[in-house]
Protein backbone atom coordinates (compact mmCIF):
# COMPACT_ATOMS: atom_id res chain seq x y z
CA MET A 1 103.39 145.86 103.56
CA ALA A 2 105.89 147.07 106.25
CA LYS A 3 104.70 147.15 109.75
CA ARG A 4 104.51 150.52 111.41
CA ARG A 5 106.98 151.14 114.27
CA PRO A 6 105.48 151.21 117.79
CA VAL A 7 106.26 154.62 119.50
CA ILE A 8 106.01 154.71 123.30
CA ILE A 9 104.05 157.69 124.35
CA THR A 10 104.93 158.52 127.95
CA CYS A 11 102.48 161.31 129.69
CA ALA A 12 103.76 163.15 132.59
CA ILE A 13 100.55 163.93 134.48
CA THR A 14 101.33 166.89 137.00
CA GLY A 15 105.08 167.13 137.95
CA ALA A 16 106.46 169.63 140.43
CA ILE A 17 107.39 172.57 138.44
CA HIS A 18 104.13 174.11 137.38
CA THR A 19 101.83 175.56 140.34
CA PRO A 20 98.05 175.55 140.67
CA SER A 21 97.48 179.28 139.65
CA MET A 22 99.18 178.58 136.24
CA SER A 23 96.26 176.69 134.79
CA PRO A 24 92.86 175.61 135.78
CA HIS A 25 93.61 172.18 133.85
CA LEU A 26 96.45 171.36 135.84
CA PRO A 27 95.67 168.24 137.92
CA VAL A 28 96.65 169.12 141.68
CA THR A 29 94.25 167.19 143.81
CA SER A 30 94.63 163.38 144.15
CA GLU A 31 91.35 162.82 142.72
CA ALA A 32 92.21 165.08 139.74
CA ILE A 33 95.59 163.37 139.09
CA VAL A 34 93.95 159.85 138.98
CA SER A 35 91.15 161.07 136.59
CA SER A 36 93.76 162.80 134.40
CA ALA A 37 95.97 159.86 134.38
CA VAL A 38 93.15 157.32 133.51
CA GLU A 39 92.14 159.86 130.59
CA ALA A 40 95.71 159.86 129.16
CA SER A 41 95.88 156.11 129.27
CA GLN A 42 92.59 155.65 127.57
CA ALA A 43 93.70 158.28 124.99
CA GLY A 44 96.88 156.12 124.24
CA ALA A 45 99.63 156.78 126.69
CA ALA A 46 101.62 153.69 127.39
CA ILE A 47 103.47 155.19 130.32
CA LEU A 48 102.17 157.25 133.00
CA HIS A 49 104.93 159.49 134.91
CA LEU A 50 103.53 160.21 138.33
CA HIS A 51 104.12 162.99 140.90
CA ALA A 52 101.74 163.49 143.92
CA ARG A 53 100.65 166.80 145.44
CA ASP A 54 99.15 167.97 148.87
CA ASP A 55 95.35 168.04 148.34
CA GLU A 56 94.92 171.35 150.27
CA THR A 57 97.88 173.54 148.92
CA GLY A 58 98.83 171.82 145.64
CA LYS A 59 102.45 171.66 146.71
CA PRO A 60 104.69 168.78 145.44
CA ASP A 61 104.21 165.83 147.91
CA GLN A 62 106.90 163.09 147.87
CA SER A 63 105.38 161.19 150.82
CA VAL A 64 104.41 157.48 150.57
CA GLU A 65 101.01 158.62 151.80
CA GLY A 66 100.63 161.14 148.92
CA PHE A 67 101.39 158.43 146.44
CA GLU A 68 99.02 156.00 148.23
CA ARG A 69 96.32 158.33 147.25
CA ILE A 70 97.05 158.03 143.51
CA VAL A 71 99.04 154.73 142.57
CA PRO A 72 96.59 152.04 143.62
CA ALA A 73 93.74 153.81 141.96
CA ILE A 74 95.61 154.44 138.76
CA ALA A 75 96.83 150.80 138.74
CA ARG A 76 93.18 149.29 139.07
CA GLN A 77 91.84 151.55 136.32
CA THR A 78 94.51 151.09 133.68
CA ASN A 79 97.07 148.64 132.05
CA ALA A 80 99.60 151.51 131.64
CA VAL A 81 103.09 151.30 133.01
CA LEU A 82 103.40 153.36 135.96
CA ASN A 83 106.51 155.48 136.22
CA LEU A 84 107.11 156.81 139.69
CA THR A 85 109.31 159.88 140.06
CA THR A 86 112.42 160.05 142.23
CA GLY A 87 113.10 163.39 141.04
CA GLY A 88 110.24 164.84 143.31
CA SER A 89 110.88 168.49 143.40
CA PRO A 90 114.29 169.92 143.12
CA TYR A 91 113.84 171.57 146.70
CA MET A 92 113.87 168.03 148.16
CA GLY A 93 116.70 165.62 149.02
CA VAL A 94 117.39 162.22 147.79
CA GLU A 95 116.08 160.37 150.73
CA GLU A 96 112.83 162.02 150.46
CA ARG A 97 112.54 161.78 146.76
CA VAL A 98 113.09 157.99 146.49
CA ARG A 99 110.57 156.74 149.05
CA PRO A 100 107.65 156.22 147.03
CA ALA A 101 109.48 154.21 144.41
CA ALA A 102 111.16 152.05 147.31
CA HIS A 103 107.68 151.36 148.72
CA PHE A 104 105.58 150.66 145.61
CA ALA A 105 108.13 148.99 143.66
CA PRO A 106 107.13 150.05 140.26
CA GLN A 107 108.03 148.54 137.11
CA LEU A 108 109.68 151.87 136.16
CA ALA A 109 110.97 154.91 137.83
CA SER A 110 112.55 158.11 136.71
CA LEU A 111 116.23 158.86 137.67
CA ASN A 112 117.90 162.24 136.91
CA MET A 113 121.43 161.71 135.91
CA GLY A 114 123.33 164.92 136.98
CA SER A 115 123.12 167.97 138.99
CA MET A 116 122.09 171.26 137.43
CA ASN A 117 120.93 174.74 137.61
CA MET A 118 117.15 174.69 137.26
CA GLY A 119 115.69 178.10 136.33
CA LEU A 120 111.90 178.29 136.92
CA PHE A 121 111.77 182.07 137.41
CA PRO A 122 111.07 183.10 133.86
CA MET A 123 107.51 181.91 134.35
CA LEU A 124 107.11 184.71 136.75
CA LYS A 125 106.81 187.05 133.43
CA ARG A 126 103.69 185.10 132.54
CA HIS A 127 102.23 184.86 136.02
CA GLU A 128 102.95 188.43 137.51
CA ASP A 129 100.11 188.14 140.04
CA ILE A 130 101.17 184.64 141.60
CA THR A 131 101.54 184.73 145.50
CA GLY A 132 102.60 182.75 148.41
CA TRP A 133 104.44 179.43 148.11
CA GLU A 134 103.99 179.43 144.34
CA ARG A 135 105.91 182.72 144.04
CA ASP A 136 108.61 181.33 146.45
CA HIS A 137 108.74 178.15 144.40
CA LEU A 138 109.74 180.18 141.20
CA GLU A 139 111.61 182.88 142.94
CA GLY A 140 113.81 180.54 144.75
CA SER A 141 115.05 178.99 141.57
CA ARG A 142 117.36 182.03 141.02
CA ASP A 143 119.62 180.39 143.41
CA LEU A 144 118.67 176.60 143.13
CA VAL A 145 120.98 173.83 142.32
CA PHE A 146 119.12 170.61 141.61
CA ARG A 147 121.40 168.07 143.28
CA ASN A 148 121.81 164.78 141.68
CA SER A 149 125.37 163.77 142.76
CA TYR A 150 126.97 160.30 141.93
CA LYS A 151 126.23 159.41 145.76
CA ASP A 152 122.59 160.42 145.06
CA ILE A 153 122.45 158.37 142.00
CA THR A 154 124.08 155.49 143.47
CA TYR A 155 121.64 155.84 146.45
CA VAL A 156 118.62 155.49 144.37
CA LEU A 157 119.93 152.59 142.38
CA GLU A 158 120.67 150.58 145.49
CA THR A 159 117.46 151.34 147.31
CA CYS A 160 115.37 150.14 144.35
CA ARG A 161 117.78 147.31 143.31
CA GLU A 162 115.94 144.38 145.08
CA ASN A 163 112.56 145.54 143.84
CA GLY A 164 113.55 145.10 140.17
CA THR A 165 112.58 148.51 139.03
CA ARG A 166 114.10 149.78 135.94
CA PHE A 167 114.58 153.44 135.16
CA GLU A 168 113.74 156.19 132.77
CA PHE A 169 117.19 157.96 132.75
CA GLU A 170 116.29 161.72 132.44
CA CYS A 171 119.32 163.66 130.70
CA TYR A 172 119.12 167.31 130.57
CA ASP A 173 122.42 167.96 128.99
CA THR A 174 125.27 165.92 127.16
CA ALA A 175 127.05 165.46 130.52
CA HIS A 176 124.24 163.44 131.84
CA LEU A 177 124.58 160.96 128.87
CA TYR A 178 128.31 160.67 130.04
CA ASN A 179 127.40 160.11 133.60
CA LEU A 180 124.81 157.41 132.51
CA ALA A 181 127.58 155.86 130.34
CA HIS A 182 129.70 155.80 133.50
CA PHE A 183 127.15 153.80 135.62
CA ALA A 184 126.77 151.48 132.71
CA ASP A 185 130.49 150.80 132.54
CA GLN A 186 130.70 150.17 136.30
CA GLY A 187 127.92 147.55 135.89
CA ALA A 188 125.45 149.31 138.22
CA ILE A 189 122.75 149.34 135.49
CA GLU A 190 122.03 147.03 132.82
CA PRO A 191 120.61 147.51 129.30
CA PRO A 192 118.31 148.39 127.63
CA PHE A 193 118.81 151.98 128.76
CA PHE A 194 115.55 154.13 128.30
CA VAL A 195 117.00 157.56 127.91
CA GLN A 196 114.60 160.59 128.10
CA THR A 197 116.52 163.56 126.84
CA VAL A 198 115.06 166.77 128.21
CA PHE A 199 115.10 169.85 126.01
CA GLY A 200 114.30 173.55 126.54
CA LEU A 201 114.40 173.94 130.26
CA LEU A 202 116.67 176.88 131.51
CA GLY A 203 119.59 175.21 133.11
CA GLY A 204 119.74 172.29 130.59
CA ILE A 205 120.37 171.88 126.88
CA GLY A 206 118.18 173.93 124.44
CA ALA A 207 115.65 172.91 122.11
CA HIS A 208 117.16 173.84 118.92
CA PRO A 209 117.20 171.01 116.24
CA ASP A 210 121.00 171.04 116.44
CA ASP A 211 120.73 170.45 120.25
CA ILE A 212 118.28 167.52 119.60
CA SER A 213 120.54 165.98 116.92
CA HIS A 214 123.61 166.26 119.14
CA MET A 215 122.02 164.45 122.08
CA ARG A 216 120.72 161.92 119.76
CA ARG A 217 124.08 161.32 118.26
CA THR A 218 125.78 161.22 121.65
CA ALA A 219 123.34 158.73 123.00
CA VAL A 220 123.62 156.49 120.14
CA ARG A 221 127.46 156.55 120.02
CA LEU A 222 127.58 155.79 123.83
CA PHE A 223 124.90 153.23 124.21
CA GLY A 224 124.36 151.66 120.54
CA ASP A 225 121.71 149.02 120.22
CA ASP A 226 121.17 149.26 124.10
CA LEU A 227 119.66 152.52 123.68
CA VAL A 228 115.87 153.11 123.92
CA TRP A 229 115.78 156.93 123.17
CA SER A 230 112.89 159.16 124.20
CA ALA A 231 112.67 163.03 124.48
CA LEU A 232 110.39 165.85 125.76
CA GLY A 233 110.45 169.49 124.99
CA ALA A 234 109.64 172.00 127.69
CA GLY A 235 106.94 174.56 127.49
CA ALA A 236 106.23 175.81 123.74
CA HIS A 237 108.83 173.30 122.34
CA GLN A 238 106.77 170.33 123.24
CA MET A 239 105.07 169.19 120.12
CA ARG A 240 107.94 170.44 117.86
CA VAL A 241 110.44 168.24 119.74
CA ALA A 242 107.93 165.29 119.47
CA ALA A 243 107.51 165.79 115.85
CA MET A 244 111.44 165.82 115.44
CA VAL A 245 112.07 162.86 117.67
CA ALA A 246 109.21 160.62 116.14
CA ALA A 247 110.41 161.28 112.69
CA SER A 248 113.99 160.19 113.97
CA GLY A 249 113.06 157.02 115.33
CA GLY A 250 112.44 157.90 119.05
CA HIS A 251 109.79 157.81 121.45
CA VAL A 252 107.91 160.74 122.77
CA ARG A 253 106.84 162.15 126.33
CA VAL A 254 104.03 165.02 126.55
CA GLY A 255 101.81 166.02 129.60
CA LEU A 256 101.07 168.93 131.62
CA GLU A 257 104.18 168.37 133.81
CA ASP A 258 106.24 169.62 130.78
CA SER A 259 103.87 172.10 129.08
CA LEU A 260 100.80 173.64 129.98
CA TRP A 261 99.92 174.68 126.42
CA SER A 262 98.36 173.38 123.25
CA ALA A 263 99.25 176.28 121.02
CA PRO A 264 100.63 179.77 121.67
CA GLY A 265 98.67 181.68 124.19
CA THR A 266 96.26 178.73 124.45
CA LEU A 267 96.32 176.37 127.66
CA ALA A 268 95.87 172.56 127.13
CA CYS A 269 92.67 171.48 128.37
CA SER A 270 93.93 167.91 129.56
CA ASN A 271 96.82 165.58 129.44
CA ALA A 272 94.56 163.48 127.30
CA ASP A 273 94.56 166.24 124.64
CA GLN A 274 98.24 166.40 124.46
CA VAL A 275 98.30 162.54 124.04
CA ARG A 276 96.13 162.58 121.22
CA VAL A 277 98.09 165.39 119.39
CA ALA A 278 101.24 163.31 119.95
CA ILE A 279 99.51 160.28 118.40
CA SER A 280 98.57 162.44 115.30
CA ILE A 281 102.14 163.50 114.98
CA ILE A 282 103.32 159.76 115.39
CA GLU A 283 100.96 158.61 112.76
CA GLY A 284 101.90 161.41 110.49
CA ALA A 285 105.62 160.10 110.61
CA GLY A 286 104.34 156.69 109.66
CA ALA A 287 104.53 155.11 113.08
CA ARG A 288 101.77 154.15 115.72
CA ALA A 289 101.49 154.44 119.41
CA ALA A 290 102.71 151.43 121.34
CA THR A 291 100.62 149.59 123.63
CA PRO A 292 101.53 149.39 127.30
CA ASP A 293 102.45 145.58 126.94
CA GLU A 294 104.75 146.70 123.90
CA ALA A 295 106.35 149.31 126.10
CA ARG A 296 106.92 146.65 128.79
CA GLU A 297 108.51 144.40 126.22
CA ILE A 298 110.77 147.03 124.42
CA LEU A 299 111.99 148.34 128.02
CA MET A 300 112.27 144.66 129.34
CA LEU A 301 110.33 145.50 132.40
CA ARG A 302 109.79 142.84 135.19
CA PRO A 303 106.19 141.07 135.19
CA LEU A 304 103.50 143.34 136.25
CA LYS A 305 102.48 142.99 139.86
CA GLU A 306 98.95 143.90 140.88
CA GLN A 307 99.03 147.11 143.18
CA THR A 308 97.26 146.73 146.32
């Protein structure tokens, strides 16, 4: 009997796009983030993609102190691969964004592979009563360029190089794949390349099946056998993209960072619920969820160090 292919499920726990008023289920305190991450791991997520937030306001918090409140606790309670963001918030500079990964030296960190417009303001149509920093956060994206220049990318790579951290390369459009190929050609990064293609966010590529096929073909052509392809769909596209990618031989990312919804008009109750839906999709495609140790092997991560 043929063995079922292991599919890595990444769960992005809270992110920096959605704001506290959008859903009562979005974890925005350190305690809630830890609890939600542990539940997602227990549900079957092999990788936990982590952002921190201010406990009082729910704002994105890229300080070492903010991550200190969540990273050691999650590491003690799970065997999951911890993936610390270097994207932080699009309103932050790269020096601020890279500090947690530089400090904690995780096995894996995210790295955005190009600058882009990032339009969050369409969410105001669904959240007309939102006020304060949350409204400013969305309104400000009408004039927001999420900067990830070649200098910025080089800065993150060089800052984390001695730690042995590998990267989830987040690619929001075709040009980002070519940027990644440039750094590979320069010898700045080594395979395998864990490429997270992002679909359906305003400012990046869409989530039409043709867009997904195009990004996959381009990534395969550029990286060949060195590619470990994963994808996420933003908002309502989440599970449809997961189904297409799982059926096409890729890995998947879900989580409340990427979508607050479980169905049209229905808020997802937890990150773990989204992980369970992803598992049903993966199993329906004839595969199975990878364990954290299998994810480490597939991505060739350095040996796990105990977080203190």
